[in-house]
Every structure is written in C-alpha cells, then in structure tokens.
C-alpha cells in the first residue's frame, strides 16, 4: 500500500498562503490546511509546533520576498522610507498576512533581513548607538501598525467597501450640528480612511523620521 505523500515545508507554506488569501488568521486552522493538502494534522506538526508558528513562517516569507534584490540608496531617511514602502507593497498583495505579522511577528530570515537593513540605515544617521534600538522599535511599531490598518481595508469586498463608504457619508454629512459642531463644520473636507492611503502612509512616516532627526545632536 502506498503511503501518504510527505509534503515539504515550502509546499506547506505555499498552501497556507493560498488559503489565507481567501480567509483570515482567525478562521485559518491547521486542520483546514491539512485537508487542503490531503493529509492529517499530525503530519504538519512535524514541521510546525502550532498554528502560531506556522502563521509566523508564512508572514516571514512575505518579508523574505520583500527583501529579495532590495538595494536601497540615499541617506538614512531615504533608506528607511524605501524599506517601509517595500513592506507596504509586499503585504498589500496579501493583506490577510499583514495582520498576522503585526500580531505575531516573525523570527525567520526575512525578519532578520528587515531588522538588519533598518538598523544599518539608522547607524548611518547621527544617532548615537545607544539610541538606535529605541528608534528602531518606534519605527517598526509605526510601520507595522500602518500596514495592518491598510490591510483591514484591503480585505474588504467591493460591496463591503461601498457599504462602509455609505455609512461614512451618513455618519459625517448627517451629523447634528448642535451636538457635533466641529464635525459638521469640517464634514465636506473629511476624507474616509480608505482614501489616499499611500500619501497618508508616506506623510506619517516622514513626520516620525523628521522627529528622530530633530532629536539628533
């Protein structure tokens, strides 16, 4: 009798990534992954100890892909910005995994490459070495939060997005001016979260980097 096929780690991660394209981390399970592969869960636990470890590995592949052939140029701010935009683009293609990265992080080669590039960029600035880790931490938190925020919108169907836009218009344009005077005053100029996301991302990141630069001796 022919035994069950042994799946490689890369094949498992490929299938997991494909499942996550149409679901989220909460509904994803090792059991569902095993079913998609035509095997049982126990065989997958030879590769990953639990669901969290598996999700971290899938997210790390996004980081690894983002860092492939990545050779930024310019000063430290340009390098940090290029890295952040590269990560934004990579997770934009699979937004479900942005939340996984933001929640669980990753500890693979992709993660180390991102950390190395960011730390190297900060070391080329005028920051003293003792301040680099703290500034690195702030930048990573900001970038991960911004990417995860965008990902939430990116996973919406067109119908869900339009429903959200309609609710936004009702909430803003229909606000009672006596109870919400400021909201009513700016109602026609306030933009939904889903509009100009790239510009907002760049502006928020630039403000953080300018703040860091202002603290330099």
C-alpha atoms as a PDB file:
ATOM      1  CA  UNK A   1       0.000   0.000   0.000  1.00  0.00           C
ATOM      2  CA  UNK A   2       1.362   3.386  -0.978  1.00  0.00           C
ATOM      3  CA  UNK A   3       1.951   5.697   1.955  1.00  0.00           C
ATOM      4  CA  UNK A   4       0.788   9.265   2.140  1.00  0.00           C
ATOM      5  CA  UNK A   5       2.856  11.839   0.385  1.00  0.00           C
ATOM      6  CA  UNK A   6       5.342  13.748   2.524  1.00  0.00           C
ATOM      7  CA  UNK A   7       4.906  17.463   1.973  1.00  0.00           C
ATOM      8  CA  UNK A   8       7.923  19.763   2.144  1.00  0.00           C
ATOM      9  CA  UNK A   9       7.932  22.816   4.393  1.00  0.00           C
ATOM     10  CA  UNK A  10       7.814  25.088   1.354  1.00  0.00           C
ATOM     11  CA  UNK A  11       4.805  23.262  -0.095  1.00  0.00           C
ATOM     12  CA  UNK A  12       3.012  23.547   3.225  1.00  0.00           C
ATOM     13  CA  UNK A  13       3.714  27.274   3.376  1.00  0.00           C
ATOM     14  CA  UNK A  14       2.595  27.737  -0.248  1.00  0.00           C
ATOM     15  CA  UNK A  15      -0.742  26.094   0.517  1.00  0.00           C
ATOM     16  CA  UNK A  16      -1.162  28.015   3.775  1.00  0.00           C
ATOM     17  CA  UNK A  17      -0.530  31.297   1.975  1.00  0.00           C
ATOM     18  CA  UNK A  18      -3.103  30.393  -0.672  1.00  0.00           C
ATOM     19  CA  UNK A  19      -5.711  29.570   1.986  1.00  0.00           C
ATOM     20  CA  UNK A  20      -5.028  32.873   3.718  1.00  0.00           C
ATOM     21  CA  UNK A  21      -5.751  34.752   0.513  1.00  0.00           C
ATOM     22  CA  UNK A  22      -9.439  33.943   0.960  1.00  0.00           C
ATOM     23  CA  UNK A  23      -9.694  33.750   4.747  1.00  0.00           C
ATOM     24  CA  UNK A  24      -8.217  35.363   7.848  1.00  0.00           C
ATOM     25  CA  UNK A  25      -5.911  34.229  10.606  1.00  0.00           C
ATOM     26  CA  UNK A  26      -8.786  33.591  12.993  1.00  0.00           C
ATOM     27  CA  UNK A  27     -10.656  31.177  10.730  1.00  0.00           C
ATOM     28  CA  UNK A  28      -7.474  29.572   9.436  1.00  0.00           C
ATOM     29  CA  UNK A  29      -6.587  26.279  11.123  1.00  0.00           C
ATOM     30  CA  UNK A  30      -4.019  23.523  10.837  1.00  0.00           C
ATOM     31  CA  UNK A  31      -6.913  21.121  10.276  1.00  0.00           C
ATOM     32  CA  UNK A  32      -8.120  23.093   7.241  1.00  0.00           C
ATOM     33  CA  UNK A  33      -4.583  23.248   5.900  1.00  0.00           C
ATOM     34  CA  UNK A  34      -4.177  19.505   6.334  1.00  0.00           C
ATOM     35  CA  UNK A  35      -7.450  18.899   4.488  1.00  0.00           C
ATOM     36  CA  UNK A  36      -6.291  21.091   1.598  1.00  0.00           C
ATOM     37  CA  UNK A  37      -3.102  19.057   1.387  1.00  0.00           C
ATOM     38  CA  UNK A  38      -4.934  15.747   1.662  1.00  0.00           C
ATOM     39  CA  UNK A  39      -3.170  14.729   4.844  1.00  0.00           C
ATOM     40  CA  UNK A  40      -3.769  14.801   8.588  1.00  0.00           C
ATOM     41  CA  UNK A  41      -2.821  17.486  11.079  1.00  0.00           C
ATOM     42  CA  UNK A  42      -0.261  15.321  12.842  1.00  0.00           C
ATOM     43  CA  UNK A  43       1.931  15.264   9.736  1.00  0.00           C
ATOM     44  CA  UNK A  44       2.081  19.068   9.718  1.00  0.00           C
ATOM     45  CA  UNK A  45       3.121  19.228  13.339  1.00  0.00           C
ATOM     46  CA  UNK A  46       6.387  17.611  12.296  1.00  0.00           C
ATOM     47  CA  UNK A  47       7.170  20.915  10.572  1.00  0.00           C
ATOM     48  CA  UNK A  48       5.490  23.427  12.898  1.00  0.00           C
ATOM     49  CA  UNK A  49       4.710  23.059  16.578  1.00  0.00           C
ATOM     50  CA  UNK A  50       1.444  25.012  16.420  1.00  0.00           C
ATOM     51  CA  UNK A  51      -0.707  27.356  14.358  1.00  0.00           C
ATOM     52  CA  UNK A  52       1.098  30.474  15.585  1.00  0.00           C
ATOM     53  CA  UNK A  53       4.479  29.174  14.494  1.00  0.00           C
ATOM     54  CA  UNK A  54       3.031  28.318  11.096  1.00  0.00           C
ATOM     55  CA  UNK A  55       1.492  31.764  10.657  1.00  0.00           C
ATOM     56  CA  UNK A  56       4.766  33.415  11.620  1.00  0.00           C
ATOM     57  CA  UNK A  57       6.545  31.355   8.997  1.00  0.00           C
ATOM     58  CA  UNK A  58       4.059  32.380   6.299  1.00  0.00           C
ATOM     59  CA  UNK A  59       4.397  36.056   7.261  1.00  0.00           C
ATOM     60  CA  UNK A  60       8.172  35.739   7.219  1.00  0.00           C
ATOM     61  CA  UNK A  61       8.031  34.609   3.611  1.00  0.00           C
ATOM     62  CA  UNK A  62       6.400  37.927   2.739  1.00  0.00           C
ATOM     63  CA  UNK A  63       9.306  39.725   4.398  1.00  0.00           C
ATOM     64  CA  UNK A  64      11.775  37.498   2.585  1.00  0.00           C
ATOM     65  CA  UNK A  65      10.119  38.251  -0.747  1.00  0.00           C
ATOM     66  CA  UNK A  66      10.131  41.972   0.000  1.00  0.00           C
ATOM     67  CA  UNK A  67      13.849  41.927   0.742  1.00  0.00           C
ATOM     68  CA  UNK A  68      14.777  39.967  -2.376  1.00  0.00           C
ATOM     69  CA  UNK A  69      17.113  42.101  -4.516  1.00  0.00           C
ATOM     70  CA  UNK A  70      16.433  45.098  -2.286  1.00  0.00           C
ATOM     71  CA  UNK A  71      19.321  47.568  -2.520  1.00  0.00           C
ATOM     72  CA  UNK A  72      18.190  50.986  -1.280  1.00  0.00           C
ATOM     73  CA  UNK A  73      20.227  54.102  -1.912  1.00  0.00           C
ATOM     74  CA  UNK A  74      20.373  57.568  -0.381  1.00  0.00           C
ATOM     75  CA  UNK A  75      20.609  58.842   3.167  1.00  0.00           C
ATOM     76  CA  UNK A  76      19.202  57.079   6.230  1.00  0.00           C
ATOM     77  CA  UNK A  77      15.730  58.579   5.849  1.00  0.00           C
ATOM     78  CA  UNK A  78      15.515  57.551   2.201  1.00  0.00           C
ATOM     79  CA  UNK A  79      16.615  54.022   3.090  1.00  0.00           C
ATOM     80  CA  UNK A  80      14.045  53.693   5.886  1.00  0.00           C
ATOM     81  CA  UNK A  81      11.316  55.088   3.652  1.00  0.00           C
ATOM     82  CA  UNK A  82      12.227  52.734   0.795  1.00  0.00           C
ATOM     83  CA  UNK A  83      12.142  49.772   3.173  1.00  0.00           C
ATOM     84  CA  UNK A  84       8.774  50.765   4.621  1.00  0.00           C
ATOM     85  CA  UNK A  85       7.232  51.248   1.172  1.00  0.00           C
ATOM     86  CA  UNK A  86       8.631  47.903   0.065  1.00  0.00           C
ATOM     87  CA  UNK A  87       6.972  46.165   3.011  1.00  0.00           C
ATOM     88  CA  UNK A  88       3.731  48.044   2.385  1.00  0.00           C
ATOM     89  CA  UNK A  89       3.698  46.861  -1.228  1.00  0.00           C
ATOM     90  CA  UNK A  90       4.529  43.252  -0.300  1.00  0.00           C
ATOM     91  CA  UNK A  91       1.789  42.967   2.306  1.00  0.00           C
ATOM     92  CA  UNK A  92      -0.612  44.846   0.040  1.00  0.00           C
ATOM     93  CA  UNK A  93      -0.570  41.806  -2.236  1.00  0.00           C
ATOM     94  CA  UNK A  94      -1.635  39.568   0.651  1.00  0.00           C
ATOM     95  CA  UNK A  95      -3.321  41.826   3.211  1.00  0.00           C
ATOM     96  CA  UNK A  96      -4.515  38.958   5.415  1.00  0.00           C
ATOM     97  CA  UNK A  97      -0.908  38.339   6.395  1.00  0.00           C
ATOM     98  CA  UNK A  98      -0.292  41.949   7.401  1.00  0.00           C
ATOM     99  CA  UNK A  99      -2.414  41.402  10.476  1.00  0.00           C
ATOM    100  CA  UNK A 100      -0.558  38.168  11.186  1.00  0.00           C
ATOM    101  CA  UNK A 101       2.776  39.989  11.049  1.00  0.00           C
ATOM    102  CA  UNK A 102       1.503  42.817  13.218  1.00  0.00           C
ATOM    103  CA  UNK A 103       0.059  40.431  15.787  1.00  0.00           C
ATOM    104  CA  UNK A 104       2.503  37.538  15.862  1.00  0.00           C
ATOM    105  CA  UNK A 105       5.656  38.961  14.296  1.00  0.00           C
ATOM    106  CA  UNK A 106       8.145  36.583  12.731  1.00  0.00           C
ATOM    107  CA  UNK A 107      11.565  35.288  13.570  1.00  0.00           C
ATOM    108  CA  UNK A 108      12.876  33.901  10.307  1.00  0.00           C
ATOM    109  CA  UNK A 109      15.398  35.057   7.754  1.00  0.00           C
ATOM    110  CA  UNK A 110      13.002  37.619   6.292  1.00  0.00           C
ATOM    111  CA  UNK A 111      12.562  39.233   9.676  1.00  0.00           C
ATOM    112  CA  UNK A 112      16.315  39.340  10.254  1.00  0.00           C
ATOM    113  CA  UNK A 113      16.890  40.944   6.849  1.00  0.00           C
ATOM    114  CA  UNK A 114      14.371  43.683   7.638  1.00  0.00           C
ATOM    115  CA  UNK A 115      15.911  44.276  11.051  1.00  0.00           C
ATOM    116  CA  UNK A 116      19.426  44.383   9.608  1.00  0.00           C
ATOM    117  CA  UNK A 117      18.536  46.916   6.923  1.00  0.00           C
ATOM    118  CA  UNK A 118      16.683  49.196   9.311  1.00  0.00           C
ATOM    119  CA  UNK A 119      19.439  49.083  11.920  1.00  0.00           C
ATOM    120  CA  UNK A 120      22.107  49.717   9.296  1.00  0.00           C
ATOM    121  CA  UNK A 121      20.165  52.695   7.970  1.00  0.00           C
ATOM    122  CA  UNK A 122      19.840  54.182  11.461  1.00  0.00           C
ATOM    123  CA  UNK A 123      23.550  53.662  12.117  1.00  0.00           C
ATOM    124  CA  UNK A 124      24.371  55.855   9.116  1.00  0.00           C
ATOM    125  CA  UNK A 125      22.498  58.736  10.768  1.00  0.00           C
ATOM    126  CA  UNK A 126      23.867  60.931  13.543  1.00  0.00           C
ATOM    127  CA  UNK A 127      22.133  58.894  16.223  1.00  0.00           C
ATOM    128  CA  UNK A 128      24.416  57.588  18.985  1.00  0.00           C
ATOM    129  CA  UNK A 129      24.499  53.777  19.001  1.00  0.00           C
ATOM    130  CA  UNK A 130      22.768  53.652  22.367  1.00  0.00           C
ATOM    131  CA  UNK A 131      19.690  55.370  20.897  1.00  0.00           C
ATOM    132  CA  UNK A 132      19.399  53.241  17.769  1.00  0.00           C
ATOM    133  CA  UNK A 133      17.462  50.297  19.329  1.00  0.00           C
ATOM    134  CA  UNK A 134      14.739  52.556  20.760  1.00  0.00           C
ATOM    135  CA  UNK A 135      14.329  54.456  17.484  1.00  0.00           C
ATOM    136  CA  UNK A 136      14.277  51.176  15.576  1.00  0.00           C
ATOM    137  CA  UNK A 137      11.485  49.937  17.843  1.00  0.00           C
ATOM    138  CA  UNK A 138       9.360  53.047  17.279  1.00  0.00           C
ATOM    139  CA  UNK A 139       9.715  52.839  13.516  1.00  0.00           C
ATOM    140  CA  UNK A 140       8.802  49.143  13.394  1.00  0.00           C
ATOM    141  CA  UNK A 141       5.705  49.690  15.547  1.00  0.00           C
ATOM    142  CA  UNK A 142       4.594  52.573  13.335  1.00  0.00           C
ATOM    143  CA  UNK A 143       5.172  50.762  10.033  1.00  0.00           C
ATOM    144  CA  UNK A 144       3.524  47.531  11.223  1.00  0.00           C
ATOM    145  CA  UNK A 145       0.508  49.466  12.536  1.00  0.00           C
ATOM    146  CA  UNK A 146       0.105  51.437   9.317  1.00  0.00           C
ATOM    147  CA  UNK A 147       0.395  48.319   7.161  1.00  0.00           C
ATOM    148  CA  UNK A 148      -2.061  46.381   9.334  1.00  0.00           C
ATOM    149  CA  UNK A 149      -4.511  49.283   9.230  1.00  0.00           C
ATOM    150  CA  UNK A 150      -4.416  49.381   5.453  1.00  0.00           C
ATOM    151  CA  UNK A 151      -4.731  45.621   5.278  1.00  0.00           C
ATOM    152  CA  UNK A 152      -8.058  45.740   7.077  1.00  0.00           C
ATOM    153  CA  UNK A 153      -9.443  47.860   4.269  1.00  0.00           C
ATOM    154  CA  UNK A 154      -7.680  45.818   1.612  1.00  0.00           C
ATOM    155  CA  UNK A 155      -9.510  42.635   2.590  1.00  0.00           C
ATOM    156  CA  UNK A 156     -12.965  44.148   2.037  1.00  0.00           C
ATOM    157  CA  UNK A 157     -15.030  43.091  -0.942  1.00  0.00           C
ATOM    158  CA  UNK A 158     -16.190  45.895  -3.273  1.00  0.00           C
ATOM    159  CA  UNK A 159     -19.681  45.582  -1.801  1.00  0.00           C
ATOM    160  CA  UNK A 160     -18.398  45.798   1.776  1.00  0.00           C
ATOM    161  CA  UNK A 161     -16.239  48.780   0.893  1.00  0.00           C
ATOM    162  CA  UNK A 162     -19.134  50.654  -0.697  1.00  0.00           C
ATOM    163  CA  UNK A 163     -21.341  49.905   2.313  1.00  0.00           C
ATOM    164  CA  UNK A 164     -18.642  51.334   4.552  1.00  0.00           C
ATOM    165  CA  UNK A 165     -18.373  54.449   2.410  1.00  0.00           C
ATOM    166  CA  UNK A 166     -22.120  54.947   2.577  1.00  0.00           C
ATOM    167  CA  UNK A 167     -22.061  54.608   6.373  1.00  0.00           C
ATOM    168  CA  UNK A 168     -19.227  57.142   6.482  1.00  0.00           C
ATOM    169  CA  UNK A 169     -21.223  59.633   4.411  1.00  0.00           C
ATOM    170  CA  UNK A 170     -24.287  59.196   6.622  1.00  0.00           C
ATOM    171  CA  UNK A 171     -22.260  59.500   9.837  1.00  0.00           C
ATOM    172  CA  UNK A 172     -20.373  62.603   8.723  1.00  0.00           C
ATOM    173  CA  UNK A 173     -22.727  64.537   6.471  1.00  0.00           C
ATOM    174  CA  UNK A 174     -25.744  63.664   8.587  1.00  0.00           C
ATOM    175  CA  UNK A 175     -24.223  64.743  11.909  1.00  0.00           C
ATOM    176  CA  UNK A 176     -26.362  67.046  14.055  1.00  0.00           C
ATOM    177  CA  UNK A 177     -24.546  70.442  14.005  1.00  0.00           C
ATOM    178  CA  UNK A 178     -25.722  71.287  17.511  1.00  0.00           C
ATOM    179  CA  UNK A 179     -24.315  68.124  19.034  1.00  0.00           C
ATOM    180  CA  UNK A 180     -21.326  67.768  16.698  1.00  0.00           C
ATOM    181  CA  UNK A 181     -20.422  71.353  15.693  1.00  0.00           C
ATOM    182  CA  UNK A 182     -16.796  70.631  14.715  1.00  0.00           C
ATOM    183  CA  UNK A 183     -17.744  67.526  12.722  1.00  0.00           C
ATOM    184  CA  UNK A 184     -20.450  69.446  10.887  1.00  0.00           C
ATOM    185  CA  UNK A 185     -18.050  72.307  10.169  1.00  0.00           C
ATOM    186  CA  UNK A 186     -15.435  70.040   8.540  1.00  0.00           C
ATOM    187  CA  UNK A 187     -17.821  67.384   7.190  1.00  0.00           C
ATOM    188  CA  UNK A 188     -17.283  68.059   3.498  1.00  0.00           C
ATOM    189  CA  UNK A 189     -13.489  68.092   3.864  1.00  0.00           C
ATOM    190  CA  UNK A 190     -13.010  64.970   5.994  1.00  0.00           C
ATOM    191  CA  UNK A 191     -11.853  62.011   3.957  1.00  0.00           C
ATOM    192  CA  UNK A 192     -12.562  58.317   4.633  1.00  0.00           C
ATOM    193  CA  UNK A 193      -9.780  56.093   5.904  1.00  0.00           C
ATOM    194  CA  UNK A 194      -9.549  54.295   2.574  1.00  0.00           C
ATOM    195  CA  UNK A 195      -8.710  57.403   0.546  1.00  0.00           C
ATOM    196  CA  UNK A 196      -5.133  58.426  -0.296  1.00  0.00           C
ATOM    197  CA  UNK A 197      -3.679  55.666   1.837  1.00  0.00           C
ATOM    198  CA  UNK A 198      -0.243  55.784   0.217  1.00  0.00           C
ATOM    199  CA  UNK A 199       0.061  59.541   0.703  1.00  0.00           C
ATOM    200  CA  UNK A 200      -1.031  59.234   4.332  1.00  0.00           C
ATOM    201  CA  UNK A 201       1.445  56.401   4.906  1.00  0.00           C
ATOM    202  CA  UNK A 202       4.331  58.434   3.496  1.00  0.00           C
ATOM    203  CA  UNK A 203       3.374  61.586   5.382  1.00  0.00           C
ATOM    204  CA  UNK A 204       3.042  59.854   8.759  1.00  0.00           C
ATOM    205  CA  UNK A 205       6.345  58.033   8.298  1.00  0.00           C
ATOM    206  CA  UNK A 206       8.096  61.239   7.186  1.00  0.00           C
ATOM    207  CA  UNK A 207       6.856  63.005  10.312  1.00  0.00           C
ATOM    208  CA  UNK A 208       8.305  60.239  12.512  1.00  0.00           C
ATOM    209  CA  UNK A 209      11.662  60.378  10.741  1.00  0.00           C
ATOM    210  CA  UNK A 210      11.737  64.166  10.994  1.00  0.00           C
ATOM    211  CA  UNK A 211      11.062  63.834  14.725  1.00  0.00           C
ATOM    212  CA  UNK A 212      14.004  61.445  15.061  1.00  0.00           C
ATOM    213  CA  UNK A 213      16.228  63.786  13.096  1.00  0.00           C
ATOM    214  CA  UNK A 214      15.251  66.705  15.301  1.00  0.00           C
ATOM    215  CA  UNK A 215      16.461  64.797  18.368  1.00  0.00           C
ATOM    216  CA  UNK A 216      19.917  64.205  16.924  1.00  0.00           C
ATOM    217  CA  UNK A 217      22.870  66.088  18.415  1.00  0.00           C
END
